[in-house]
Amino acid sequence: MRILDTDVCIEILRANVRVLTRRRNTLDHVATTWITAAELYYGAAKSRHPQSKAEGVRAFLGTLPVFGFDEQSVRHFGRVKAALERAGQGLTDADLFIGSICLARGAILVTGNVRHYHRIEGLLIEDWIRG
């Protein structure tokens, strides 16, 4: 299973050929998170055409499963956040939640922010934007 991060979803909505090709060619199941959904709707609301952008987001989200928190993912969140704080490293809670959902599901996070997420120990990452 692959879980799409917000930046990858944005590239799909922008019809980025490289990302769309990777999406079509993956044999794995593809999903996203409610955190990413919230960030996409936020971006739509800030745009010049909020209604049409929100409709595009809604249509896109209707094409794949959207995962939220469960007990296992929030346990990962607590463990990872504490470990990062001990190491003097930070990551936003939103990104930690996305990474924790991936860890709980044994999923690969598909993101262009590889350097950003590499701090989460055990998280499998794949870059569809640059590679």
N, C-alpha and C. Protein backbone atom coordinates (compact mmCIF):
# COMPACT_ATOMS: atom_id res chain seq x y z
N MET A 1 0.83 -1.17 0.00
CA MET A 1 0.00 0.00 0.00
C MET A 1 0.88 1.24 0.00
N ARG A 2 0.44 2.25 -0.73
CA ARG A 2 1.11 3.54 -0.77
C ARG A 2 0.12 4.61 -0.32
N ILE A 3 0.59 5.50 0.53
CA ILE A 3 -0.23 6.61 1.00
C ILE A 3 0.37 7.90 0.46
N LEU A 4 -0.47 8.67 -0.23
CA LEU A 4 -0.02 9.90 -0.88
C LEU A 4 0.00 11.06 0.10
N ASP A 5 1.13 11.78 0.13
CA ASP A 5 1.26 12.99 0.92
C ASP A 5 0.61 14.15 0.16
N THR A 6 0.43 15.25 0.84
CA THR A 6 -0.27 16.41 0.27
C THR A 6 0.39 16.90 -1.01
N ASP A 7 1.72 17.01 -1.03
CA ASP A 7 2.39 17.55 -2.21
C ASP A 7 2.16 16.69 -3.45
N VAL A 8 2.10 15.39 -3.28
CA VAL A 8 1.84 14.49 -4.40
C VAL A 8 0.40 14.64 -4.88
N CYS A 9 -0.53 14.75 -3.95
CA CYS A 9 -1.94 14.97 -4.33
C CYS A 9 -2.10 16.27 -5.10
N ILE A 10 -1.40 17.31 -4.67
CA ILE A 10 -1.45 18.59 -5.39
C ILE A 10 -0.94 18.41 -6.81
N GLU A 11 0.14 17.67 -6.99
CA GLU A 11 0.68 17.45 -8.33
C GLU A 11 -0.29 16.64 -9.19
N ILE A 12 -1.00 15.71 -8.60
CA ILE A 12 -2.02 14.97 -9.35
C ILE A 12 -3.13 15.92 -9.78
N LEU A 13 -3.58 16.78 -8.87
CA LEU A 13 -4.63 17.75 -9.20
C LEU A 13 -4.17 18.74 -10.27
N ARG A 14 -2.87 19.01 -10.32
CA ARG A 14 -2.30 19.90 -11.34
C ARG A 14 -1.99 19.16 -12.64
N ALA A 15 -2.27 17.88 -12.67
CA ALA A 15 -2.06 17.03 -13.85
C ALA A 15 -0.58 16.92 -14.22
N ASN A 16 0.30 16.84 -13.22
CA ASN A 16 1.72 16.62 -13.44
C ASN A 16 1.90 15.24 -14.10
N VAL A 17 2.42 15.24 -15.31
CA VAL A 17 2.50 14.01 -16.11
C VAL A 17 3.34 12.93 -15.41
N ARG A 18 4.47 13.30 -14.84
CA ARG A 18 5.33 12.32 -14.17
C ARG A 18 4.58 11.64 -13.03
N VAL A 19 3.91 12.44 -12.21
CA VAL A 19 3.19 11.89 -11.05
C VAL A 19 1.99 11.07 -11.50
N LEU A 20 1.26 11.55 -12.49
CA LEU A 20 0.11 10.80 -13.00
C LEU A 20 0.54 9.46 -13.58
N THR A 21 1.67 9.44 -14.27
CA THR A 21 2.19 8.19 -14.83
C THR A 21 2.55 7.21 -13.73
N ARG A 22 3.22 7.69 -12.68
CA ARG A 22 3.56 6.82 -11.56
C ARG A 22 2.30 6.27 -10.90
N ARG A 23 1.29 7.13 -10.76
CA ARG A 23 0.01 6.71 -10.14
C ARG A 23 -0.64 5.61 -10.97
N ARG A 24 -0.66 5.79 -12.28
CA ARG A 24 -1.27 4.79 -13.17
C ARG A 24 -0.49 3.47 -13.18
N ASN A 25 0.82 3.56 -13.06
CA ASN A 25 1.67 2.38 -13.19
C ASN A 25 1.90 1.61 -11.90
N THR A 26 1.49 2.16 -10.77
CA THR A 26 1.71 1.43 -9.52
C THR A 26 0.74 0.26 -9.43
N LEU A 27 1.26 -0.87 -9.03
CA LEU A 27 0.44 -2.06 -8.87
C LEU A 27 -0.15 -2.14 -7.47
N ASP A 28 0.35 -1.30 -6.59
CA ASP A 28 -0.06 -1.28 -5.20
C ASP A 28 -1.34 -0.47 -5.03
N HIS A 29 -2.06 -0.72 -3.95
CA HIS A 29 -3.20 0.12 -3.60
C HIS A 29 -2.69 1.49 -3.20
N VAL A 30 -3.44 2.53 -3.55
CA VAL A 30 -3.06 3.91 -3.24
C VAL A 30 -4.17 4.53 -2.40
N ALA A 31 -3.77 5.27 -1.36
CA ALA A 31 -4.71 5.93 -0.47
C ALA A 31 -4.11 7.27 -0.05
N THR A 32 -4.82 7.99 0.81
CA THR A 32 -4.28 9.19 1.43
C THR A 32 -4.84 9.26 2.85
N THR A 33 -4.62 10.39 3.52
CA THR A 33 -5.07 10.55 4.90
C THR A 33 -6.03 11.73 5.01
N TRP A 34 -6.79 11.75 6.10
CA TRP A 34 -7.68 12.89 6.35
C TRP A 34 -6.89 14.15 6.62
N ILE A 35 -5.65 14.04 7.07
CA ILE A 35 -4.81 15.22 7.26
C ILE A 35 -4.52 15.84 5.91
N THR A 36 -4.14 15.02 4.95
CA THR A 36 -3.91 15.52 3.59
C THR A 36 -5.19 16.10 3.02
N ALA A 37 -6.32 15.44 3.23
CA ALA A 37 -7.60 15.96 2.73
C ALA A 37 -7.85 17.36 3.29
N ALA A 38 -7.61 17.54 4.59
CA ALA A 38 -7.81 18.86 5.21
C ALA A 38 -6.89 19.90 4.59
N GLU A 39 -5.63 19.53 4.35
CA GLU A 39 -4.69 20.47 3.74
C GLU A 39 -5.10 20.82 2.32
N LEU A 40 -5.64 19.86 1.58
CA LEU A 40 -6.11 20.13 0.22
C LEU A 40 -7.30 21.09 0.23
N TYR A 41 -8.24 20.87 1.13
CA TYR A 41 -9.39 21.78 1.23
C TYR A 41 -8.96 23.17 1.69
N TYR A 42 -7.98 23.25 2.55
CA TYR A 42 -7.44 24.54 2.98
C TYR A 42 -6.84 25.27 1.77
N GLY A 43 -6.05 24.58 0.98
CA GLY A 43 -5.48 25.18 -0.22
C GLY A 43 -6.56 25.65 -1.18
N ALA A 44 -7.60 24.85 -1.34
CA ALA A 44 -8.72 25.24 -2.22
C ALA A 44 -9.38 26.51 -1.70
N ALA A 45 -9.60 26.60 -0.40
CA ALA A 45 -10.26 27.76 0.20
C ALA A 45 -9.44 29.03 0.02
N LYS A 46 -8.11 28.91 -0.04
CA LYS A 46 -7.24 30.07 -0.23
C LYS A 46 -7.11 30.48 -1.69
N SER A 47 -7.55 29.66 -2.61
CA SER A 47 -7.33 29.92 -4.03
C SER A 47 -8.27 31.01 -4.56
N ARG A 48 -8.02 31.43 -5.78
CA ARG A 48 -8.86 32.44 -6.43
C ARG A 48 -10.24 31.89 -6.78
N HIS A 49 -10.34 30.58 -6.91
CA HIS A 49 -11.60 29.93 -7.28
C HIS A 49 -11.92 28.83 -6.27
N PRO A 50 -12.25 29.22 -5.03
CA PRO A 50 -12.39 28.22 -3.97
C PRO A 50 -13.45 27.16 -4.22
N GLN A 51 -14.56 27.53 -4.82
CA GLN A 51 -15.62 26.55 -5.02
C GLN A 51 -15.21 25.48 -6.03
N SER A 52 -14.67 25.90 -7.17
CA SER A 52 -14.28 24.91 -8.18
C SER A 52 -13.09 24.07 -7.71
N LYS A 53 -12.17 24.69 -6.99
CA LYS A 53 -11.02 23.93 -6.46
C LYS A 53 -11.49 22.90 -5.43
N ALA A 54 -12.43 23.29 -4.56
CA ALA A 54 -12.96 22.36 -3.56
C ALA A 54 -13.70 21.21 -4.24
N GLU A 55 -14.40 21.50 -5.33
CA GLU A 55 -15.08 20.43 -6.08
C GLU A 55 -14.05 19.46 -6.67
N GLY A 56 -12.94 19.99 -7.16
CA GLY A 56 -11.87 19.14 -7.67
C GLY A 56 -11.27 18.26 -6.59
N VAL A 57 -11.07 18.84 -5.41
CA VAL A 57 -10.54 18.07 -4.28
C VAL A 57 -11.52 16.96 -3.91
N ARG A 58 -12.80 17.31 -3.81
CA ARG A 58 -13.82 16.32 -3.44
C ARG A 58 -13.84 15.18 -4.45
N ALA A 59 -13.80 15.51 -5.74
CA ALA A 59 -13.81 14.48 -6.78
C ALA A 59 -12.57 13.59 -6.67
N PHE A 60 -11.41 14.20 -6.46
CA PHE A 60 -10.17 13.44 -6.32
C PHE A 60 -10.23 12.50 -5.13
N LEU A 61 -10.67 13.02 -3.98
CA LEU A 61 -10.74 12.19 -2.77
C LEU A 61 -11.73 11.04 -2.91
N GLY A 62 -12.68 11.19 -3.81
CA GLY A 62 -13.63 10.11 -4.06
C GLY A 62 -13.04 8.95 -4.83
N THR A 63 -11.80 9.10 -5.31
CA THR A 63 -11.18 8.04 -6.12
C THR A 63 -10.27 7.12 -5.32
N LEU A 64 -10.09 7.39 -4.03
CA LEU A 64 -9.17 6.56 -3.25
C LEU A 64 -9.59 6.54 -1.79
N PRO A 65 -9.17 5.50 -1.06
CA PRO A 65 -9.48 5.45 0.37
C PRO A 65 -8.76 6.59 1.11
N VAL A 66 -9.39 7.08 2.17
CA VAL A 66 -8.81 8.13 3.00
C VAL A 66 -8.76 7.59 4.43
N PHE A 67 -7.55 7.50 4.98
CA PHE A 67 -7.36 6.91 6.31
C PHE A 67 -7.22 7.98 7.38
N GLY A 68 -7.72 7.63 8.56
CA GLY A 68 -7.59 8.50 9.73
C GLY A 68 -6.78 7.80 10.81
N PHE A 69 -6.96 8.29 12.03
CA PHE A 69 -6.22 7.76 13.16
C PHE A 69 -6.88 6.51 13.71
N ASP A 70 -6.07 5.64 14.23
CA ASP A 70 -6.55 4.52 15.03
C ASP A 70 -5.58 4.39 16.20
N GLU A 71 -5.84 3.44 17.06
CA GLU A 71 -5.00 3.32 18.26
C GLU A 71 -3.53 3.10 17.91
N GLN A 72 -3.27 2.28 16.93
CA GLN A 72 -1.89 1.99 16.56
C GLN A 72 -1.19 3.24 16.02
N SER A 73 -1.87 4.02 15.19
CA SER A 73 -1.22 5.21 14.61
C SER A 73 -0.95 6.27 15.68
N VAL A 74 -1.84 6.44 16.65
CA VAL A 74 -1.57 7.45 17.68
C VAL A 74 -0.46 6.99 18.63
N ARG A 75 -0.31 5.68 18.81
CA ARG A 75 0.83 5.19 19.59
C ARG A 75 2.15 5.48 18.86
N HIS A 76 2.16 5.24 17.54
CA HIS A 76 3.35 5.59 16.75
C HIS A 76 3.64 7.08 16.88
N PHE A 77 2.59 7.90 16.79
CA PHE A 77 2.75 9.35 16.89
C PHE A 77 3.47 9.72 18.19
N GLY A 78 3.00 9.20 19.31
CA GLY A 78 3.61 9.53 20.59
C GLY A 78 5.06 9.10 20.67
N ARG A 79 5.35 7.90 20.20
CA ARG A 79 6.72 7.37 20.23
C ARG A 79 7.65 8.19 19.35
N VAL A 80 7.20 8.48 18.12
CA VAL A 80 8.05 9.20 17.15
C VAL A 80 8.27 10.65 17.60
N LYS A 81 7.22 11.31 18.06
CA LYS A 81 7.36 12.70 18.48
C LYS A 81 8.33 12.81 19.65
N ALA A 82 8.22 11.90 20.62
CA ALA A 82 9.14 11.91 21.77
C ALA A 82 10.57 11.66 21.32
N ALA A 83 10.78 10.72 20.41
CA ALA A 83 12.13 10.41 19.92
C ALA A 83 12.72 11.61 19.18
N LEU A 84 11.92 12.28 18.36
CA LEU A 84 12.42 13.45 17.63
C LEU A 84 12.77 14.58 18.59
N GLU A 85 11.94 14.79 19.60
CA GLU A 85 12.23 15.84 20.58
C GLU A 85 13.52 15.54 21.34
N ARG A 86 13.71 14.28 21.72
CA ARG A 86 14.95 13.90 22.41
C ARG A 86 16.17 14.15 21.53
N ALA A 87 16.01 13.98 20.23
CA ALA A 87 17.12 14.18 19.29
C ALA A 87 17.26 15.64 18.88
N GLY A 88 16.40 16.51 19.41
CA GLY A 88 16.47 17.93 19.06
C GLY A 88 15.98 18.22 17.65
N GLN A 89 15.15 17.35 17.12
CA GLN A 89 14.61 17.53 15.77
C GLN A 89 13.12 17.78 15.85
N GLY A 90 12.63 18.53 14.89
CA GLY A 90 11.20 18.81 14.89
C GLY A 90 10.55 18.38 13.59
N LEU A 91 9.25 18.23 13.69
CA LEU A 91 8.41 17.93 12.53
C LEU A 91 7.01 18.37 12.95
N THR A 92 6.25 18.94 12.04
CA THR A 92 4.91 19.39 12.41
C THR A 92 4.06 18.20 12.83
N ASP A 93 3.08 18.48 13.68
CA ASP A 93 2.18 17.40 14.10
C ASP A 93 1.46 16.80 12.90
N ALA A 94 1.06 17.64 11.94
CA ALA A 94 0.36 17.12 10.76
C ALA A 94 1.23 16.09 10.04
N ASP A 95 2.50 16.41 9.84
CA ASP A 95 3.40 15.47 9.16
C ASP A 95 3.66 14.23 10.01
N LEU A 96 3.75 14.42 11.32
CA LEU A 96 3.91 13.26 12.19
C LEU A 96 2.69 12.35 12.14
N PHE A 97 1.50 12.94 12.08
CA PHE A 97 0.29 12.12 11.98
C PHE A 97 0.29 11.33 10.67
N ILE A 98 0.64 11.98 9.56
CA ILE A 98 0.68 11.29 8.27
C ILE A 98 1.69 10.13 8.33
N GLY A 99 2.88 10.41 8.83
CA GLY A 99 3.89 9.37 8.95
C GLY A 99 3.46 8.25 9.87
N SER A 100 2.79 8.59 10.95
CA SER A 100 2.33 7.58 11.92
C SER A 100 1.25 6.68 11.33
N ILE A 101 0.38 7.25 10.53
CA ILE A 101 -0.65 6.44 9.85
C ILE A 101 0.03 5.46 8.90
N CYS A 102 1.06 5.92 8.19
CA CYS A 102 1.81 5.02 7.30
C CYS A 102 2.48 3.90 8.08
N LEU A 103 3.12 4.24 9.19
CA LEU A 103 3.77 3.21 10.01
C LEU A 103 2.76 2.19 10.50
N ALA A 104 1.62 2.66 10.98
CA ALA A 104 0.60 1.76 11.52
C ALA A 104 0.06 0.81 10.46
N ARG A 105 0.00 1.25 9.22
CA ARG A 105 -0.55 0.44 8.14
C ARG A 105 0.52 -0.30 7.35
N GLY A 106 1.78 -0.11 7.71
CA GLY A 106 2.86 -0.74 6.96
C GLY A 106 2.93 -0.22 5.54
N ALA A 107 2.55 1.04 5.35
CA ALA A 107 2.45 1.63 4.01
C ALA A 107 3.68 2.46 3.68
N ILE A 108 3.91 2.62 2.40
CA ILE A 108 4.96 3.50 1.88
C ILE A 108 4.36 4.89 1.74
N LEU A 109 5.05 5.90 2.27
CA LEU A 109 4.61 7.28 2.09
C LEU A 109 5.16 7.79 0.77
N VAL A 110 4.28 8.25 -0.10
CA VAL A 110 4.68 8.83 -1.38
C VAL A 110 4.69 10.34 -1.21
N THR A 111 5.88 10.94 -1.30
CA THR A 111 6.04 12.36 -1.03
C THR A 111 7.22 12.92 -1.81
N GLY A 112 7.19 14.20 -2.04
CA GLY A 112 8.35 14.88 -2.59
C GLY A 112 9.23 15.43 -1.48
N ASN A 113 8.76 15.33 -0.25
CA ASN A 113 9.48 15.85 0.92
C ASN A 113 10.30 14.75 1.60
N VAL A 114 11.11 14.07 0.83
CA VAL A 114 11.88 12.94 1.36
C VAL A 114 12.78 13.38 2.50
N ARG A 115 13.51 14.48 2.32
CA ARG A 115 14.42 14.95 3.37
C ARG A 115 13.66 15.32 4.64
N HIS A 116 12.44 15.76 4.46
CA HIS A 116 11.60 16.18 5.58
C HIS A 116 11.18 14.96 6.42
N TYR A 117 10.76 13.91 5.76
CA TYR A 117 10.21 12.74 6.45
C TYR A 117 11.25 11.70 6.86
N HIS A 118 12.47 11.80 6.35
CA HIS A 118 13.46 10.76 6.63
C HIS A 118 13.77 10.64 8.13
N ARG A 119 13.39 11.63 8.90
CA ARG A 119 13.66 11.61 10.34
C ARG A 119 12.77 10.62 11.09
N ILE A 120 11.71 10.14 10.45
CA ILE A 120 10.81 9.19 11.11
C ILE A 120 11.38 7.78 10.89
N GLU A 121 11.94 7.24 11.95
CA GLU A 121 12.59 5.93 11.86
C GLU A 121 11.60 4.85 11.44
N GLY A 122 12.00 4.06 10.46
CA GLY A 122 11.18 2.95 9.99
C GLY A 122 10.17 3.30 8.92
N LEU A 123 10.04 4.59 8.61
CA LEU A 123 9.07 5.01 7.59
C LEU A 123 9.64 4.75 6.20
N LEU A 124 8.89 4.03 5.38
CA LEU A 124 9.28 3.78 3.99
C LEU A 124 8.78 4.94 3.14
N ILE A 125 9.66 5.48 2.30
CA ILE A 125 9.35 6.70 1.54
C ILE A 125 9.67 6.47 0.07
N GLU A 126 8.82 7.04 -0.78
CA GLU A 126 9.02 6.97 -2.23
C GLU A 126 8.71 8.36 -2.80
N ASP A 127 9.57 8.84 -3.69
CA ASP A 127 9.39 10.17 -4.28
C ASP A 127 8.87 10.04 -5.70
N TRP A 128 7.63 10.45 -5.93
CA TRP A 128 7.06 10.43 -7.28
C TRP A 128 7.24 11.77 -7.98
N ILE A 129 7.69 12.77 -7.28
CA ILE A 129 7.82 14.10 -7.88
C ILE A 129 9.18 14.27 -8.54
N ARG A 130 10.24 13.90 -7.83
CA ARG A 130 11.59 14.08 -8.37
C ARG A 130 12.22 12.79 -8.87
N GLY A 131 11.66 11.66 -8.51
CA GLY A 131 12.34 10.44 -8.91
C GLY A 131 11.41 9.39 -9.21
